């Protein structure tokens, strides 16, 4: 079996009351895929370097969260918050009629995966979490409250700016300038050479100036409501997940999997042979983007073990080939013969 192709995808638009959720479904489209969710201020392009390294027998549905990438913005007057974004997962499941879901999330997407899995553990068969488990702790309460107050004001300013923007085009920049802005905004977690993977879904061409672009994402997402968890709540959420296959990959240079994660991770690990944790040396918060090959070394075996290929079909560059009865028997015979040989060597 080979790997997925970044050019073999179907653009999807999942209906929602506020508009639609945009996505790309890579590879196998006849079986339930892995649902991949990006981080805050990013978009599905964050998985561009990882997708071509994953096995081609299973599809991957990457989505843009509301207000990000090419998904619809929330209506004017509404505010983005982490609680509401959790509902994106069951909404996608309902659209496709899934009773189970396999989750892969980076940053905010990984937090949403942890929250949803703790709320509906029986509907999740595996989780891949990239440099995240929980929201970062508040730290100093006074500073945290001041930040919320400041962001409330900024959110209202952004709403006014968007009203004016309906009449006037937003400020535009060259791609080189936008690349620097994105790198700086990520605290250089996304280096300029990889910025293109995120920019292609969050910029639009200026109608006024050739060769210039502007950010097309909803500016209000910069001020979304996060939430910190009490240690007791985080521990109880981990207990509800129980013995679920759970893979966490951390970048060694990132502080997003910190001491606040120690107790929940110890609970996830307890009596759970399906829990795995790896640290990628030199990895930043966007470890899956700049160290995709290293991450794939852990992700691919995890997928193959917990979402093995269906013996009745496989994906060849995203095209499913159904087997005849005779071919099915041969596949099964080869499978059991390999299993018997493996057992005989133990």
C-alpha atoms as a PDB file:
ATOM      1  CA  UNK A   1       0.000   0.000   0.000  1.00  0.00           C
ATOM      2  CA  UNK A   2       1.118   3.510  -0.757  1.00  0.00           C
ATOM      3  CA  UNK A   3       0.528   6.935   0.740  1.00  0.00           C
ATOM      4  CA  UNK A   4      -2.062   9.630   0.185  1.00  0.00           C
ATOM      5  CA  UNK A   5      -1.653  12.176  -2.573  1.00  0.00           C
ATOM      6  CA  UNK A   6      -2.095  15.870  -1.790  1.00  0.00           C
ATOM      7  CA  UNK A   7      -3.688  16.311  -5.226  1.00  0.00           C
ATOM      8  CA  UNK A   8      -6.304  13.589  -4.716  1.00  0.00           C
ATOM      9  CA  UNK A   9      -9.060  15.325  -2.776  1.00  0.00           C
ATOM     10  CA  UNK A  10     -12.660  16.420  -2.967  1.00  0.00           C
ATOM     11  CA  UNK A  11     -13.711  19.878  -1.791  1.00  0.00           C
ATOM     12  CA  UNK A  12     -16.625  19.587   0.644  1.00  0.00           C
ATOM     13  CA  UNK A  13     -19.141  22.083   2.024  1.00  0.00           C
ATOM     14  CA  UNK A  14     -21.002  20.879   5.099  1.00  0.00           C
ATOM     15  CA  UNK A  15     -24.218  22.865   5.690  1.00  0.00           C
ATOM     16  CA  UNK A  16     -24.504  24.770   8.972  1.00  0.00           C
ATOM     17  CA  UNK A  17     -27.078  27.290  10.278  1.00  0.00           C
ATOM     18  CA  UNK A  18     -24.544  30.135   9.860  1.00  0.00           C
ATOM     19  CA  UNK A  19     -23.421  29.015   6.381  1.00  0.00           C
ATOM     20  CA  UNK A  20     -21.098  26.081   5.762  1.00  0.00           C
ATOM     21  CA  UNK A  21     -18.013  24.247   7.020  1.00  0.00           C
ATOM     22  CA  UNK A  22     -15.421  23.940   4.248  1.00  0.00           C
ATOM     23  CA  UNK A  23     -13.087  20.986   3.949  1.00  0.00           C
ATOM     24  CA  UNK A  24     -11.012  18.686   1.800  1.00  0.00           C
ATOM     25  CA  UNK A  25     -11.530  14.942   1.834  1.00  0.00           C
ATOM     26  CA  UNK A  26      -8.270  13.254   0.862  1.00  0.00           C
ATOM     27  CA  UNK A  27      -7.982   9.705  -0.452  1.00  0.00           C
ATOM     28  CA  UNK A  28     -10.509   6.944   0.205  1.00  0.00           C
ATOM     29  CA  UNK A  29     -14.028   8.374   0.058  1.00  0.00           C
ATOM     30  CA  UNK A  30     -15.970   5.116   0.373  1.00  0.00           C
ATOM     31  CA  UNK A  31     -15.216   4.527   4.060  1.00  0.00           C
ATOM     32  CA  UNK A  32     -15.251   6.685   7.187  1.00  0.00           C
ATOM     33  CA  UNK A  33     -12.145   8.906   7.225  1.00  0.00           C
ATOM     34  CA  UNK A  34     -10.072  10.455   9.972  1.00  0.00           C
ATOM     35  CA  UNK A  35     -11.465  13.890  10.876  1.00  0.00           C
ATOM     36  CA  UNK A  36      -8.565  16.373  11.081  1.00  0.00           C
ATOM     37  CA  UNK A  37      -9.015  19.708  12.883  1.00  0.00           C
ATOM     38  CA  UNK A  38      -6.495  22.551  12.756  1.00  0.00           C
ATOM     39  CA  UNK A  39      -5.390  25.024  15.410  1.00  0.00           C
ATOM     40  CA  UNK A  40      -6.343  28.586  16.315  1.00  0.00           C
ATOM     41  CA  UNK A  41      -5.899  31.104  13.443  1.00  0.00           C
ATOM     42  CA  UNK A  42      -4.761  28.281  11.116  1.00  0.00           C
ATOM     43  CA  UNK A  43      -6.720  26.279   8.540  1.00  0.00           C
ATOM     44  CA  UNK A  44      -6.701  22.820   6.994  1.00  0.00           C
ATOM     45  CA  UNK A  45      -3.499  23.686   5.109  1.00  0.00           C
ATOM     46  CA  UNK A  46      -1.685  22.951   8.364  1.00  0.00           C
ATOM     47  CA  UNK A  47      -1.846  19.243   7.417  1.00  0.00           C
ATOM     48  CA  UNK A  48      -0.383  19.716   3.912  1.00  0.00           C
ATOM     49  CA  UNK A  49       2.996  18.176   4.743  1.00  0.00           C
ATOM     50  CA  UNK A  50       1.577  15.346   6.851  1.00  0.00           C
ATOM     51  CA  UNK A  51      -1.138  14.128   4.446  1.00  0.00           C
ATOM     52  CA  UNK A  52       1.262  12.708   1.784  1.00  0.00           C
ATOM     53  CA  UNK A  53       2.937  10.581   4.462  1.00  0.00           C
ATOM     54  CA  UNK A  54      -0.220   8.799   5.649  1.00  0.00           C
ATOM     55  CA  UNK A  55      -1.407   5.402   4.332  1.00  0.00           C
ATOM     56  CA  UNK A  56      -3.667   5.642   1.307  1.00  0.00           C
ATOM     57  CA  UNK A  57      -6.212   3.001   2.336  1.00  0.00           C
ATOM     58  CA  UNK A  58      -7.872   5.445   4.731  1.00  0.00           C
ATOM     59  CA  UNK A  59      -9.256   8.869   3.898  1.00  0.00           C
ATOM     60  CA  UNK A  60      -8.624  12.067   5.843  1.00  0.00           C
ATOM     61  CA  UNK A  61     -11.265  14.789   6.024  1.00  0.00           C
ATOM     62  CA  UNK A  62      -9.585  18.082   6.936  1.00  0.00           C
ATOM     63  CA  UNK A  63     -11.946  20.926   7.818  1.00  0.00           C
ATOM     64  CA  UNK A  64     -11.694  24.681   8.341  1.00  0.00           C
ATOM     65  CA  UNK A  65     -13.251  25.766  11.634  1.00  0.00           C
ATOM     66  CA  UNK A  66     -15.855  28.581  11.457  1.00  0.00           C
ATOM     67  CA  UNK A  67     -14.276  31.927  10.591  1.00  0.00           C
ATOM     68  CA  UNK A  68     -11.077  30.204   9.412  1.00  0.00           C
ATOM     69  CA  UNK A  69      -9.938  29.243   5.928  1.00  0.00           C
ATOM     70  CA  UNK A  70     -12.901  29.024   3.562  1.00  0.00           C
ATOM     71  CA  UNK A  71     -15.579  28.207   6.136  1.00  0.00           C
ATOM     72  CA  UNK A  72     -18.385  30.685   6.769  1.00  0.00           C
ATOM     73  CA  UNK A  73     -18.066  33.325   9.452  1.00  0.00           C
ATOM     74  CA  UNK A  74     -20.487  33.531  12.319  1.00  0.00           C
ATOM     75  CA  UNK A  75     -23.146  36.207  12.001  1.00  0.00           C
ATOM     76  CA  UNK A  76     -22.334  39.764  13.122  1.00  0.00           C
ATOM     77  CA  UNK A  77     -22.739  40.275  16.847  1.00  0.00           C
ATOM     78  CA  UNK A  78     -21.711  36.733  17.789  1.00  0.00           C
ATOM     79  CA  UNK A  79     -18.509  35.704  19.507  1.00  0.00           C
ATOM     80  CA  UNK A  80     -16.254  32.703  18.885  1.00  0.00           C
ATOM     81  CA  UNK A  81     -15.667  30.438  21.869  1.00  0.00           C
ATOM     82  CA  UNK A  82     -14.255  27.018  22.572  1.00  0.00           C
ATOM     83  CA  UNK A  83     -17.484  25.569  23.951  1.00  0.00           C
ATOM     84  CA  UNK A  84     -19.417  26.147  20.725  1.00  0.00           C
ATOM     85  CA  UNK A  85     -16.612  24.811  18.527  1.00  0.00           C
ATOM     86  CA  UNK A  86     -16.923  21.392  20.203  1.00  0.00           C
ATOM     87  CA  UNK A  87     -20.268  20.997  18.412  1.00  0.00           C
ATOM     88  CA  UNK A  88     -18.493  21.013  15.043  1.00  0.00           C
ATOM     89  CA  UNK A  89     -17.464  17.377  15.560  1.00  0.00           C
ATOM     90  CA  UNK A  90     -20.967  15.881  16.061  1.00  0.00           C
ATOM     91  CA  UNK A  91     -22.268  18.194  13.307  1.00  0.00           C
ATOM     92  CA  UNK A  92     -19.832  16.655  10.810  1.00  0.00           C
ATOM     93  CA  UNK A  93     -20.703  13.173  12.067  1.00  0.00           C
ATOM     94  CA  UNK A  94     -24.398  13.845  11.597  1.00  0.00           C
ATOM     95  CA  UNK A  95     -23.852  15.127   8.055  1.00  0.00           C
ATOM     96  CA  UNK A  96     -22.188  11.865   6.990  1.00  0.00           C
ATOM     97  CA  UNK A  97     -24.139   9.488   9.219  1.00  0.00           C
ATOM     98  CA  UNK A  98     -21.157   8.331  11.247  1.00  0.00           C
ATOM     99  CA  UNK A  99     -21.732   6.582  14.571  1.00  0.00           C
ATOM    100  CA  UNK A 100     -17.978   6.634  15.283  1.00  0.00           C
ATOM    101  CA  UNK A 101     -15.259   9.178  14.631  1.00  0.00           C
ATOM    102  CA  UNK A 102     -11.449   9.071  14.457  1.00  0.00           C
ATOM    103  CA  UNK A 103      -9.914  12.400  15.471  1.00  0.00           C
ATOM    104  CA  UNK A 104      -6.632  14.128  14.659  1.00  0.00           C
ATOM    105  CA  UNK A 105      -6.176  17.634  16.013  1.00  0.00           C
ATOM    106  CA  UNK A 106      -3.472  20.242  16.368  1.00  0.00           C
ATOM    107  CA  UNK A 107      -3.579  22.881  19.111  1.00  0.00           C
ATOM    108  CA  UNK A 108      -7.205  24.075  19.336  1.00  0.00           C
ATOM    109  CA  UNK A 109      -8.213  21.056  17.239  1.00  0.00           C
ATOM    110  CA  UNK A 110      -6.534  18.752  19.762  1.00  0.00           C
ATOM    111  CA  UNK A 111      -8.293  20.467  22.665  1.00  0.00           C
ATOM    112  CA  UNK A 112     -11.646  20.048  20.928  1.00  0.00           C
ATOM    113  CA  UNK A 113     -10.808  16.377  20.362  1.00  0.00           C
ATOM    114  CA  UNK A 114     -10.053  15.859  24.065  1.00  0.00           C
ATOM    115  CA  UNK A 115     -13.242  17.651  25.146  1.00  0.00           C
ATOM    116  CA  UNK A 116     -15.476  15.797  22.701  1.00  0.00           C
ATOM    117  CA  UNK A 117     -13.939  12.398  23.509  1.00  0.00           C
ATOM    118  CA  UNK A 118     -14.538  12.963  27.225  1.00  0.00           C
ATOM    119  CA  UNK A 119     -18.165  13.925  26.545  1.00  0.00           C
ATOM    120  CA  UNK A 120     -18.963  11.111  24.108  1.00  0.00           C
ATOM    121  CA  UNK A 121     -16.261   8.446  24.575  1.00  0.00           C
ATOM    122  CA  UNK A 122     -18.332   5.664  23.036  1.00  0.00           C
ATOM    123  CA  UNK A 123     -18.404   7.480  19.690  1.00  0.00           C
ATOM    124  CA  UNK A 124     -14.608   7.892  19.354  1.00  0.00           C
ATOM    125  CA  UNK A 125     -12.322   5.054  18.270  1.00  0.00           C
ATOM    126  CA  UNK A 126      -8.957   6.870  18.393  1.00  0.00           C
ATOM    127  CA  UNK A 127      -7.378  10.292  18.938  1.00  0.00           C
ATOM    128  CA  UNK A 128      -4.154  11.785  17.562  1.00  0.00           C
ATOM    129  CA  UNK A 129      -3.235  14.992  19.395  1.00  0.00           C
ATOM    130  CA  UNK A 130      -0.471  17.199  18.029  1.00  0.00           C
ATOM    131  CA  UNK A 131       1.382  19.250  20.658  1.00  0.00           C
ATOM    132  CA  UNK A 132      -1.641  19.734  22.905  1.00  0.00           C
ATOM    133  CA  UNK A 133      -3.954  18.092  25.395  1.00  0.00           C
ATOM    134  CA  UNK A 134      -5.570  20.854  27.476  1.00  0.00           C
ATOM    135  CA  UNK A 135      -5.991  24.626  27.234  1.00  0.00           C
ATOM    136  CA  UNK A 136      -3.096  26.522  28.790  1.00  0.00           C
ATOM    137  CA  UNK A 137      -3.709  27.486  32.439  1.00  0.00           C
ATOM    138  CA  UNK A 138      -4.798  31.027  33.272  1.00  0.00           C
ATOM    139  CA  UNK A 139      -1.700  31.861  35.265  1.00  0.00           C
ATOM    140  CA  UNK A 140      -2.121  35.087  37.217  1.00  0.00           C
ATOM    141  CA  UNK A 141      -5.909  35.683  37.650  1.00  0.00           C
ATOM    142  CA  UNK A 142      -5.531  39.469  37.559  1.00  0.00           C
ATOM    143  CA  UNK A 143      -3.675  39.400  34.254  1.00  0.00           C
ATOM    144  CA  UNK A 144      -6.130  36.882  32.834  1.00  0.00           C
ATOM    145  CA  UNK A 145      -9.119  39.111  33.647  1.00  0.00           C
ATOM    146  CA  UNK A 146      -7.355  42.161  32.199  1.00  0.00           C
ATOM    147  CA  UNK A 147      -6.682  40.241  28.984  1.00  0.00           C
ATOM    148  CA  UNK A 148     -10.338  39.201  28.684  1.00  0.00           C
ATOM    149  CA  UNK A 149     -11.440  42.807  29.224  1.00  0.00           C
ATOM    150  CA  UNK A 150      -9.006  44.087  26.582  1.00  0.00           C
ATOM    151  CA  UNK A 151     -10.053  41.451  24.081  1.00  0.00           C
ATOM    152  CA  UNK A 152     -13.708  42.323  24.654  1.00  0.00           C
ATOM    153  CA  UNK A 153     -12.966  45.886  23.585  1.00  0.00           C
ATOM    154  CA  UNK A 154     -10.876  44.717  20.617  1.00  0.00           C
ATOM    155  CA  UNK A 155     -13.686  42.432  19.500  1.00  0.00           C
ATOM    156  CA  UNK A 156     -16.099  45.370  19.356  1.00  0.00           C
ATOM    157  CA  UNK A 157     -13.522  47.427  17.428  1.00  0.00           C
ATOM    158  CA  UNK A 158     -13.135  44.535  14.969  1.00  0.00           C
ATOM    159  CA  UNK A 159     -16.909  44.417  14.449  1.00  0.00           C
ATOM    160  CA  UNK A 160     -16.907  48.128  13.579  1.00  0.00           C
ATOM    161  CA  UNK A 161     -13.971  47.602  11.219  1.00  0.00           C
ATOM    162  CA  UNK A 162     -15.807  44.793   9.453  1.00  0.00           C
ATOM    163  CA  UNK A 163     -18.864  46.993   8.949  1.00  0.00           C
ATOM    164  CA  UNK A 164     -16.633  49.564   7.286  1.00  0.00           C
ATOM    165  CA  UNK A 165     -14.891  46.763   5.383  1.00  0.00           C
ATOM    166  CA  UNK A 166     -18.147  45.955   3.614  1.00  0.00           C
ATOM    167  CA  UNK A 167     -17.704  49.303   1.904  1.00  0.00           C
ATOM    168  CA  UNK A 168     -13.912  49.354   1.681  1.00  0.00           C
ATOM    169  CA  UNK A 169     -11.337  46.652   0.980  1.00  0.00           C
ATOM    170  CA  UNK A 170      -9.137  45.711   3.990  1.00  0.00           C
ATOM    171  CA  UNK A 171      -5.437  46.717   3.976  1.00  0.00           C
ATOM    172  CA  UNK A 172      -3.445  44.587   1.528  1.00  0.00           C
ATOM    173  CA  UNK A 173       0.173  43.393   1.520  1.00  0.00           C
ATOM    174  CA  UNK A 174       2.639  41.460  -0.595  1.00  0.00           C
ATOM    175  CA  UNK A 175       2.936  37.716   0.015  1.00  0.00           C
ATOM    176  CA  UNK A 176       6.402  38.290   1.456  1.00  0.00           C
ATOM    177  CA  UNK A 177       4.942  40.702   4.004  1.00  0.00           C
ATOM    178  CA  UNK A 178       2.101  38.324   4.894  1.00  0.00           C
ATOM    179  CA  UNK A 179       4.624  35.500   5.338  1.00  0.00           C
ATOM    180  CA  UNK A 180       6.511  37.575   7.903  1.00  0.00           C
ATOM    181  CA  UNK A 181       3.274  38.517   9.679  1.00  0.00           C
ATOM    182  CA  UNK A 182       2.236  34.868   9.930  1.00  0.00           C
ATOM    183  CA  UNK A 183       5.662  33.763  11.195  1.00  0.00           C
ATOM    184  CA  UNK A 184       5.692  36.523  13.814  1.00  0.00           C
ATOM    185  CA  UNK A 185       2.108  35.774  14.892  1.00  0.00           C
ATOM    186  CA  UNK A 186       3.023  32.123  15.481  1.00  0.00           C
ATOM    187  CA  UNK A 187       6.098  33.128  17.512  1.00  0.00           C
ATOM    188  CA  UNK A 188       8.127  31.615  14.639  1.00  0.00           C
ATOM    189  CA  UNK A 189       6.519  28.216  15.138  1.00  0.00           C
ATOM    190  CA  UNK A 190       5.598  28.489  11.450  1.00  0.00           C
ATOM    191  CA  UNK A 191       8.783  29.460   9.638  1.00  0.00           C
ATOM    192  CA  UNK A 192       8.574  31.473   6.376  1.00  0.00           C
ATOM    193  CA  UNK A 193       9.312  28.395   4.239  1.00  0.00           C
ATOM    194  CA  UNK A 194       6.168  26.658   5.543  1.00  0.00           C
ATOM    195  CA  UNK A 195       3.888  29.698   5.728  1.00  0.00           C
ATOM    196  CA  UNK A 196       2.598  29.035   2.202  1.00  0.00           C
ATOM    197  CA  UNK A 197       0.701  25.988   3.465  1.00  0.00           C
ATOM    198  CA  UNK A 198      -1.444  28.214   5.686  1.00  0.00           C
ATOM    199  CA  UNK A 199      -1.650  31.296   3.482  1.00  0.00           C
ATOM    200  CA  UNK A 200      -3.277  29.667   0.465  1.00  0.00           C
ATOM    201  CA  UNK A 201      -6.608  29.319   2.299  1.00  0.00           C
ATOM    202  CA  UNK A 202      -6.657  32.554   4.266  1.00  0.00           C
ATOM    203  CA  UNK A 203      -5.761  35.311   1.813  1.00  0.00           C
ATOM    204  CA  UNK A 204      -7.575  36.913  -1.110  1.00  0.00           C
ATOM    205  CA  UNK A 205      -6.300  38.931  -4.038  1.00  0.00           C
ATOM    206  CA  UNK A 206      -6.671  42.670  -3.744  1.00  0.00           C
ATOM    207  CA  UNK A 207      -9.030  44.150  -6.325  1.00  0.00           C
ATOM    208  CA  UNK A 208      -7.253  47.493  -6.048  1.00  0.00           C
ATOM    209  CA  UNK A 209      -3.566  46.574  -6.191  1.00  0.00           C
ATOM    210  CA  UNK A 210      -2.063  43.829  -8.401  1.00  0.00           C
ATOM    211  CA  UNK A 211       0.213  41.344  -6.610  1.00  0.00           C
ATOM    212  CA  UNK A 212      -1.138  42.292  -3.184  1.00  0.00           C
ATOM    213  CA  UNK A 213      -3.339  40.277  -0.840  1.00  0.00           C
ATOM    214  CA  UNK A 214      -5.305  40.613   2.382  1.00  0.00           C
ATOM    215  CA  UNK A 215      -6.274  38.200   5.161  1.00  0.00           C
ATOM    216  CA  UNK A 216      -9.718  36.736   4.489  1.00  0.00           C
ATOM    217  CA  UNK A 217     -10.306  34.994   7.827  1.00  0.00           C
ATOM    218  CA  UNK A 218     -12.720  36.532  10.316  1.00  0.00           C
ATOM    219  CA  UNK A 219     -10.755  38.995  12.443  1.00  0.00           C
ATOM    220  CA  UNK A 220     -12.999  38.197  15.404  1.00  0.00           C
ATOM    221  CA  UNK A 221     -11.416  34.742  15.805  1.00  0.00           C
ATOM    222  CA  UNK A 222      -8.357  36.476  17.282  1.00  0.00           C
ATOM    223  CA  UNK A 223     -10.453  37.253  20.345  1.00  0.00           C
ATOM    224  CA  UNK A 224     -12.256  33.942  20.880  1.00  0.00           C
ATOM    225  CA  UNK A 225     -13.064  32.780  24.399  1.00  0.00           C
ATOM    226  CA  UNK A 226     -10.762  30.055  25.609  1.00  0.00           C
ATOM    227  CA  UNK A 227     -11.244  28.354  28.939  1.00  0.00           C
ATOM    228  CA  UNK A 228      -8.983  26.991  31.617  1.00  0.00           C
ATOM    229  CA  UNK A 229      -9.821  23.745  33.394  1.00  0.00           C
ATOM    230  CA  UNK A 230      -9.556  23.030  37.076  1.00  0.00           C
ATOM    231  CA  UNK A 231      -7.238  20.105  37.640  1.00  0.00           C
ATOM    232  CA  UNK A 232     -10.084  18.042  39.062  1.00  0.00           C
ATOM    233  CA  UNK A 233     -12.214  18.573  35.978  1.00  0.00           C
ATOM    234  CA  UNK A 234      -9.381  17.729  33.586  1.00  0.00           C
ATOM    235  CA  UNK A 235      -8.703  14.528  35.552  1.00  0.00           C
ATOM    236  CA  UNK A 236     -12.372  13.504  35.457  1.00  0.00           C
ATOM    237  CA  UNK A 237     -12.503  14.137  31.720  1.00  0.00           C
ATOM    238  CA  UNK A 238      -9.479  11.878  31.270  1.00  0.00           C
ATOM    239  CA  UNK A 239     -11.167   9.158  33.344  1.00  0.00           C
ATOM    240  CA  UNK A 240     -14.207   9.252  31.071  1.00  0.00           C
ATOM    241  CA  UNK A 241     -11.952   8.583  28.073  1.00  0.00           C
ATOM    242  CA  UNK A 242     -10.780   5.376  29.782  1.00  0.00           C
ATOM    243  CA  UNK A 243      -8.738   2.944  27.636  1.00  0.00           C
ATOM    244  CA  UNK A 244      -9.145   4.830  24.377  1.00  0.00           C
ATOM    245  CA  UNK A 245      -6.318   4.681  21.800  1.00  0.00           C
ATOM    246  CA  UNK A 246      -4.683   8.059  22.342  1.00  0.00           C
ATOM    247  CA  UNK A 247      -1.484   9.356  20.715  1.00  0.00           C
ATOM    248  CA  UNK A 248       0.133  12.629  21.832  1.00  0.00           C
ATOM    249  CA  UNK A 249       3.126  14.083  19.980  1.00  0.00           C
ATOM    250  CA  UNK A 250       4.922  16.995  21.626  1.00  0.00           C
ATOM    251  CA  UNK A 251       7.481  19.414  20.207  1.00  0.00           C
ATOM    252  CA  UNK A 252      10.439  19.658  22.576  1.00  0.00           C
ATOM    253  CA  UNK A 253      10.628  23.441  22.142  1.00  0.00           C
ATOM    254  CA  UNK A 254       6.924  23.924  22.840  1.00  0.00           C
ATOM    255  CA  UNK A 255       5.364  24.611  26.239  1.00  0.00           C
ATOM    256  CA  UNK A 256       1.833  23.592  25.244  1.00  0.00           C
ATOM    257  CA  UNK A 257       2.036  20.160  26.897  1.00  0.00           C
ATOM    258  CA  UNK A 258       3.099  21.340  30.349  1.00  0.00           C
ATOM    259  CA  UNK A 259       2.756  20.336  33.983  1.00  0.00           C
ATOM    260  CA  UNK A 260      -1.016  20.911  33.857  1.00  0.00           C
ATOM    261  CA  UNK A 261      -1.191  17.857  31.566  1.00  0.00           C
ATOM    262  CA  UNK A 262       0.709  15.490  33.848  1.00  0.00           C
ATOM    263  CA  UNK A 263      -2.256  14.207  35.893  1.00  0.00           C
ATOM    264  CA  UNK A 264      -4.667  13.767  32.934  1.00  0.00           C
ATOM    265  CA  UNK A 265      -1.917  12.055  30.930  1.00  0.00           C
ATOM    266  CA  UNK A 266      -1.124   9.690  33.802  1.00  0.00           C
ATOM    267  CA  UNK A 267      -4.824   8.776  33.916  1.00  0.00           C
ATOM    268  CA  UNK A 268      -4.946   8.230  30.149  1.00  0.00           C
ATOM    269  CA  UNK A 269      -1.828   6.056  30.412  1.00  0.00           C
ATOM    270  CA  UNK A 270      -3.039   3.988  33.391  1.00  0.00           C
ATOM    271  CA  UNK A 271      -3.821   0.394  32.400  1.00  0.00           C
ATOM    272  CA  UNK A 272      -4.010   1.566  28.790  1.00  0.00           C
ATOM    273  CA  UNK A 273      -1.715  -0.197  26.308  1.00  0.00           C
ATOM    274  CA  UNK A 274      -3.194   2.010  23.591  1.00  0.00           C
ATOM    275  CA  UNK A 275      -1.830   5.288  25.024  1.00  0.00           C
ATOM    276  CA  UNK A 276       1.319   6.626  23.376  1.00  0.00           C
ATOM    277  CA  UNK A 277       3.374   9.766  24.009  1.00  0.00           C
ATOM    278  CA  UNK A 278       6.357  10.934  21.974  1.00  0.00           C
ATOM    279  CA  UNK A 279       8.499  14.048  21.987  1.00  0.00           C
ATOM    280  CA  UNK A 280      10.080  15.322  18.779  1.00  0.00           C
ATOM    281  CA  UNK A 281      13.473  16.874  19.422  1.00  0.00           C
ATOM    282  CA  UNK A 282      13.630  20.471  18.203  1.00  0.00           C
ATOM    283  CA  UNK A 283       9.908  20.522  17.502  1.00  0.00           C
ATOM    284  CA  UNK A 284       7.920  23.740  17.858  1.00  0.00           C
ATOM    285  CA  UNK A 285       4.171  24.041  18.398  1.00  0.00           C
ATOM    286  CA  UNK A 286       3.609  23.331  14.673  1.00  0.00           C
ATOM    287  CA  UNK A 287       5.678  20.159  14.960  1.00  0.00           C
ATOM    288  CA  UNK A 288       3.522  18.345  12.380  1.00  0.00           C
ATOM    289  CA  UNK A 289       4.273  21.039   9.798  1.00  0.00           C
ATOM    290  CA  UNK A 290       8.052  21.417  10.049  1.00  0.00           C
ATOM    291  CA  UNK A 291       8.788  17.885  11.303  1.00  0.00           C
ATOM    292  CA  UNK A 292       6.121  15.990   9.367  1.00  0.00           C
ATOM    293  CA  UNK A 293       8.341  12.985   8.631  1.00  0.00           C
ATOM    294  CA  UNK A 294       9.218  12.531  12.294  1.00  0.00           C
ATOM    295  CA  UNK A 295       5.556  12.781  13.317  1.00  0.00           C
ATOM    296  CA  UNK A 296       4.552  10.292  10.621  1.00  0.00           C
ATOM    297  CA  UNK A 297       6.932   7.732  12.146  1.00  0.00           C
ATOM    298  CA  UNK A 298       4.571   7.579  15.124  1.00  0.00           C
ATOM    299  CA  UNK A 299       1.242   8.382  13.463  1.00  0.00           C
ATOM    300  CA  UNK A 300       1.330   5.800  10.655  1.00  0.00           C
ATOM    301  CA  UNK A 301       1.803   2.707  12.891  1.00  0.00           C
ATOM    302  CA  UNK A 302      -0.836   4.089  15.260  1.00  0.00           C
ATOM    303  CA  UNK A 303      -3.336   4.416  12.393  1.00  0.00           C
ATOM    304  CA  UNK A 304      -2.476   0.991  10.969  1.00  0.00           C
ATOM    305  CA  UNK A 305      -3.033  -0.616  14.381  1.00  0.00           C
ATOM    306  CA  UNK A 306      -6.266   1.134  15.356  1.00  0.00           C
ATOM    307  CA  UNK A 307      -7.774   1.721  11.888  1.00  0.00           C
ATOM    308  CA  UNK A 308      -6.382  -1.237   9.901  1.00  0.00           C
ATOM    309  CA  UNK A 309      -7.248  -1.628   6.227  1.00  0.00           C
ATOM    310  CA  UNK A 310     -10.554  -3.219   5.358  1.00  0.00           C
ATOM    311  CA  UNK A 311      -9.814  -6.637   3.874  1.00  0.00           C
ATOM    312  CA  UNK A 312     -12.515  -6.158   1.227  1.00  0.00           C
ATOM    313  CA  UNK A 313     -11.077  -3.023  -0.332  1.00  0.00           C
ATOM    314  CA  UNK A 314      -8.075  -0.779  -0.526  1.00  0.00           C
ATOM    315  CA  UNK A 315      -7.272   2.656  -1.907  1.00  0.00           C
ATOM    316  CA  UNK A 316      -5.067   3.201  -4.922  1.00  0.00           C
ATOM    317  CA  UNK A 317      -4.374   6.937  -5.220  1.00  0.00           C
ATOM    318  CA  UNK A 318      -7.769   7.503  -3.676  1.00  0.00           C
ATOM    319  CA  UNK A 319      -9.755   5.158  -5.968  1.00  0.00           C
ATOM    320  CA  UNK A 320     -11.450   2.209  -4.338  1.00  0.00           C
ATOM    321  CA  UNK A 321     -11.291  -1.175  -6.062  1.00  0.00           C
ATOM    322  CA  UNK A 322     -13.856  -3.738  -4.937  1.00  0.00           C
ATOM    323  CA  UNK A 323     -12.646  -7.331  -4.842  1.00  0.00           C
ATOM    324  CA  UNK A 324     -14.317 -10.305  -6.446  1.00  0.00           C
ATOM    325  CA  UNK A 325     -15.253 -13.265  -4.240  1.00  0.00           C
ATOM    326  CA  UNK A 326     -12.219 -15.238  -5.412  1.00  0.00           C
ATOM    327  CA  UNK A 327      -9.900 -12.271  -4.783  1.00  0.00           C
ATOM    328  CA  UNK A 328     -11.388 -11.776  -1.321  1.00  0.00           C
ATOM    329  CA  UNK A 329     -10.599 -15.408  -0.472  1.00  0.00           C
ATOM    330  CA  UNK A 330      -7.005 -14.968  -1.652  1.00  0.00           C
ATOM    331  CA  UNK A 331      -6.579 -11.840   0.452  1.00  0.00           C
ATOM    332  CA  UNK A 332      -7.962 -13.609   3.504  1.00  0.00           C
ATOM    333  CA  UNK A 333      -5.768 -16.664   2.888  1.00  0.00           C
ATOM    334  CA  UNK A 334      -2.645 -14.495   2.579  1.00  0.00           C
ATOM    335  CA  UNK A 335      -3.620 -12.564   5.710  1.00  0.00           C
ATOM    336  CA  UNK A 336      -4.111 -15.690   7.844  1.00  0.00           C
ATOM    337  CA  UNK A 337      -0.980 -17.294   6.394  1.00  0.00           C
ATOM    338  CA  UNK A 338       1.076 -14.255   7.454  1.00  0.00           C
ATOM    339  CA  UNK A 339      -0.566 -14.345  10.886  1.00  0.00           C
ATOM    340  CA  UNK A 340       0.264 -18.049  11.275  1.00  0.00           C
ATOM    341  CA  UNK A 341       3.881 -17.469  10.253  1.00  0.00           C
ATOM    342  CA  UNK A 342       4.239 -14.625  12.724  1.00  0.00           C
ATOM    343  CA  UNK A 343       2.870 -16.766  15.547  1.00  0.00           C
ATOM    344  CA  UNK A 344       5.218 -19.612  14.706  1.00  0.00           C
ATOM    345  CA  UNK A 345       8.249 -17.359  15.242  1.00  0.00           C
ATOM    346  CA  UNK A 346       7.247 -16.435  18.800  1.00  0.00           C
END
